[in-house]
Amino acid sequence: MGNTLARAACYEDDEVVGVLPGQDDTNANKPNEKGQTPLWLAAWSGQEEVVKIILGRGDVDPNESDNGGKTPLLCAAQNGHAGVVKILLGRANIEPDKPDHAGQTPLWHSVANGHEGVVESLLGRGEVNPDKPDGCGRTPLLCAALEGHARMVEILLGRNDVDPNIQDEQGRTPLSWAAGNGHARVVRILLGEDDADVNLN
């Protein structure tokens, strides 16, 4: 029965999902071989109605991660599913800053992929650390600079708790990565910061 629910989540079969959670023998938290629960699968593919139905059960853990440590919220954030992100953030027991096994948070992934709406939703939560580094010491700002996401850089620098001079494990700053990758607009934005140190790597 758990596998049937997982398949329904994958294929957005609202009718099947709507029936199964009401059955006593349905394990809505049952993962597949990759550790992906029905909620995880629905969040990954942006199925808002299916996510709502699954969350309607009181026994569903919205923070259950797959084998790589990715939660449903992280998956939705990574893929830019803003509606699913808002639904999950509305849960009282959600962990909005929970990282995957690489140390990358939902905010980190949404910044890396340039999902502005998702980034703003996540930054609206006080529990989210906008300067949290991943396993390689790269913060969301550093990642945005490396990828050339100018708008992400502007949003993050608009906060007073983001360090424009942060260095990763290689000792490189956001400015260093932006300049090295030819992201001229990002370079101009960073140089416009009063406390940006151009002498750092």
Protein backbone atom coordinates (compact mmCIF):
# COMPACT_ATOMS: atom_id res chain seq x y z
CA MET A 1 0.00 0.00 0.00
CA GLY A 2 2.89 2.34 0.74
CA ASN A 3 4.33 1.75 -2.74
CA THR A 4 0.93 2.54 -4.27
CA LEU A 5 0.93 5.88 -2.48
CA ALA A 6 4.44 6.59 -3.72
CA ARG A 7 3.41 5.86 -7.30
CA ALA A 8 0.38 8.09 -6.92
CA ALA A 9 2.62 10.90 -5.67
CA CYS A 10 4.91 10.44 -8.66
CA TYR A 11 2.14 10.60 -11.21
CA GLU A 12 -0.08 13.19 -9.51
CA ASP A 13 -3.03 10.84 -9.14
CA ASP A 14 -5.06 13.04 -6.77
CA GLU A 15 -7.95 10.60 -6.54
CA VAL A 16 -5.74 7.68 -5.53
CA VAL A 17 -3.80 9.77 -3.04
CA GLY A 18 -7.01 11.16 -1.60
CA VAL A 19 -8.29 7.69 -0.80
CA LEU A 20 -5.13 6.02 0.43
CA PRO A 21 -4.20 8.33 3.33
CA GLY A 22 -7.53 7.57 4.98
CA GLN A 23 -6.78 3.86 5.16
CA ASP A 24 -5.38 2.57 8.43
CA ASP A 25 -2.80 0.30 6.77
CA THR A 26 -1.28 3.04 4.61
CA ASN A 27 2.24 4.05 5.64
CA ALA A 28 2.53 7.57 4.26
CA ASN A 29 6.15 7.78 5.44
CA LYS A 30 7.30 4.59 3.69
CA PRO A 31 10.35 5.37 1.53
CA ASN A 32 11.49 3.69 -1.67
CA GLU A 33 14.97 2.24 -2.12
CA LYS A 34 16.40 5.76 -2.46
CA GLY A 35 14.82 6.88 0.79
CA GLN A 36 12.21 8.98 -1.01
CA THR A 37 8.82 9.14 0.68
CA PRO A 38 5.54 9.93 -1.14
CA LEU A 39 5.78 13.50 0.20
CA TRP A 40 9.36 13.77 -1.05
CA LEU A 41 8.33 12.64 -4.53
CA ALA A 42 5.38 15.00 -4.69
CA ALA A 43 7.49 17.93 -3.47
CA TRP A 44 10.26 17.16 -5.96
CA SER A 45 7.87 17.33 -8.90
CA GLY A 46 5.93 20.35 -7.62
CA GLN A 47 2.56 18.64 -7.12
CA GLU A 48 0.90 21.12 -4.76
CA GLU A 49 -2.45 19.37 -4.40
CA VAL A 50 -0.82 16.02 -3.75
CA VAL A 51 1.46 17.59 -1.14
CA LYS A 52 -1.58 19.07 0.63
CA ILE A 53 -3.38 15.72 0.62
CA ILE A 54 -0.40 13.83 2.04
CA LEU A 55 0.20 16.48 4.69
CA GLY A 56 -3.43 16.09 5.69
CA ARG A 57 -2.38 12.99 7.56
CA GLY A 58 -1.20 13.57 11.09
CA ASP A 59 1.51 10.92 10.88
CA VAL A 60 3.53 12.43 8.02
CA ASP A 61 6.98 13.81 8.85
CA PRO A 62 7.67 16.77 6.49
CA ASN A 63 11.37 16.67 7.37
CA GLU A 64 12.01 13.05 6.37
CA SER A 65 15.06 13.06 4.10
CA ASP A 66 16.18 10.71 1.34
CA ASN A 67 19.47 8.80 1.26
CA GLY A 68 21.31 11.99 0.33
CA GLY A 69 19.85 13.96 3.22
CA LYS A 70 17.49 15.99 1.02
CA THR A 71 14.16 16.87 2.62
CA PRO A 72 10.93 17.54 0.70
CA LEU A 73 11.42 21.27 1.35
CA LEU A 74 14.95 21.19 -0.02
CA CYS A 75 13.76 19.37 -3.15
CA ALA A 76 10.98 21.85 -3.76
CA ALA A 77 13.38 24.75 -3.21
CA GLN A 78 16.00 23.28 -5.52
CA ASN A 79 13.48 22.87 -8.33
CA GLY A 80 11.84 26.27 -7.85
CA HIS A 81 8.42 24.98 -6.78
CA ALA A 82 7.42 28.12 -4.88
CA GLY A 83 3.89 26.92 -4.12
CA VAL A 84 5.11 23.69 -2.53
CA VAL A 85 7.72 25.62 -0.56
CA LYS A 86 5.03 27.89 0.90
CA ILE A 87 2.86 24.92 1.82
CA LEU A 88 5.72 23.20 3.62
CA LEU A 89 6.82 26.39 5.36
CA GLY A 90 3.30 26.63 6.73
CA ARG A 91 3.86 23.51 8.80
CA ALA A 92 4.62 24.21 12.46
CA ASN A 93 7.14 21.34 12.63
CA ILE A 94 9.07 22.16 9.47
CA GLU A 95 12.86 22.56 9.68
CA PRO A 96 13.52 25.25 7.04
CA ASP A 97 17.30 25.29 7.40
CA LYS A 98 17.95 21.54 7.46
CA PRO A 99 20.93 20.76 5.16
CA ASP A 100 21.57 17.70 3.04
CA HIS A 101 24.65 15.49 3.44
CA ALA A 102 26.74 18.03 1.51
CA GLY A 103 25.82 20.72 4.05
CA GLN A 104 23.65 22.55 1.52
CA THR A 105 20.38 24.00 2.82
CA PRO A 106 17.11 24.71 0.99
CA LEU A 107 18.22 28.36 0.73
CA TRP A 108 21.61 27.34 -0.69
CA HIS A 109 19.96 25.24 -3.40
CA SER A 110 17.36 27.85 -4.32
CA VAL A 111 20.07 30.51 -4.62
CA ALA A 112 22.27 28.21 -6.70
CA ASN A 113 19.42 27.67 -9.14
CA GLY A 114 18.26 31.29 -9.23
CA HIS A 115 14.77 30.80 -7.81
CA GLU A 116 14.03 34.32 -6.54
CA GLY A 117 10.54 33.69 -5.15
CA VAL A 118 11.69 30.67 -3.19
CA VAL A 119 14.71 32.56 -1.84
CA GLU A 120 12.51 35.37 -0.56
CA SER A 121 10.11 32.92 1.10
CA LEU A 122 12.95 31.16 2.89
CA LEU A 123 14.61 34.40 3.96
CA GLY A 124 11.33 35.35 5.58
CA ARG A 125 11.91 32.66 8.18
CA GLY A 126 14.00 33.68 11.18
CA GLU A 127 15.40 30.15 11.54
CA VAL A 128 17.11 30.35 8.16
CA ASN A 129 20.76 31.39 8.31
CA PRO A 130 21.52 33.27 5.06
CA ASP A 131 25.27 32.95 5.60
CA LYS A 132 25.41 29.22 6.34
CA PRO A 133 28.28 27.51 4.47
CA ASP A 134 28.08 24.10 2.88
CA GLY A 135 30.66 21.35 3.33
CA CYS A 136 33.13 23.24 1.11
CA GLY A 137 32.72 26.51 3.01
CA ARG A 138 30.58 28.09 0.29
CA THR A 139 27.74 30.27 1.55
CA PRO A 140 24.65 31.11 -0.52
CA LEU A 141 26.25 34.46 -1.45
CA LEU A 142 29.48 32.83 -2.57
CA CYS A 143 27.48 30.30 -4.58
CA ALA A 144 25.43 33.04 -6.22
CA ALA A 145 28.58 34.93 -7.17
CA LEU A 146 30.21 31.80 -8.56
CA GLU A 147 27.14 31.02 -10.70
CA GLY A 148 26.67 34.62 -11.81
CA HIS A 149 23.19 35.04 -10.30
CA ALA A 150 23.25 38.82 -9.93
CA ARG A 151 19.73 39.13 -8.53
CA MET A 152 20.51 36.55 -5.86
CA VAL A 153 23.61 38.52 -4.92
CA GLU A 154 21.56 41.71 -4.58
CA ILE A 155 18.94 40.03 -2.40
CA LEU A 156 21.51 38.52 -0.07
CA LEU A 157 23.58 41.69 0.20
CA GLY A 158 20.40 43.53 1.13
CA ARG A 159 20.62 41.84 4.51
CA ASN A 160 22.90 42.89 7.35
CA ASP A 161 23.82 39.33 8.32
CA VAL A 162 25.61 38.31 5.12
CA ASP A 163 29.39 38.69 4.87
CA PRO A 164 30.52 39.88 1.41
CA ASN A 165 34.10 38.83 2.20
CA ILE A 166 33.39 35.26 3.25
CA GLN A 167 36.05 32.79 2.09
CA ASP A 168 35.51 29.15 1.17
CA GLU A 169 37.91 26.28 1.87
CA GLN A 170 40.05 27.42 -1.06
CA GLY A 171 40.34 30.88 0.46
CA ARG A 172 38.29 32.45 -2.34
CA THR A 173 35.68 35.18 -1.83
CA PRO A 174 32.49 35.92 -3.76
CA LEU A 175 34.35 38.68 -5.61
CA SER A 176 37.16 36.31 -6.54
CA TRP A 177 34.77 33.72 -7.97
CA ALA A 178 32.70 36.30 -9.84
CA ALA A 179 35.75 37.92 -11.38
CA GLY A 180 37.36 34.59 -12.24
CA ASN A 181 34.21 33.41 -14.00
CA GLY A 182 33.66 36.64 -15.89
CA HIS A 183 30.44 37.67 -14.16
CA ALA A 184 30.83 41.42 -14.68
CA ARG A 185 27.46 42.46 -13.25
CA VAL A 186 28.09 40.52 -10.05
CA VAL A 187 31.56 42.06 -9.78
CA ARG A 188 30.07 45.56 -10.03
CA ILE A 189 27.50 44.75 -7.35
CA LEU A 190 30.12 43.40 -4.97
CA LEU A 191 32.47 46.33 -5.56
CA GLY A 192 29.61 48.63 -4.64
CA GLU A 193 29.63 47.26 -1.11
CA ASP A 194 31.38 49.63 1.29
CA ASP A 195 32.92 46.80 3.28
CA ALA A 196 33.99 44.63 0.34
CA ASP A 197 37.73 43.86 0.54
CA VAL A 198 39.19 43.76 -2.97
CA ASN A 199 42.55 42.53 -1.64
CA LEU A 200 41.21 39.16 -0.58
CA ASN A 201 41.51 36.23 -2.98
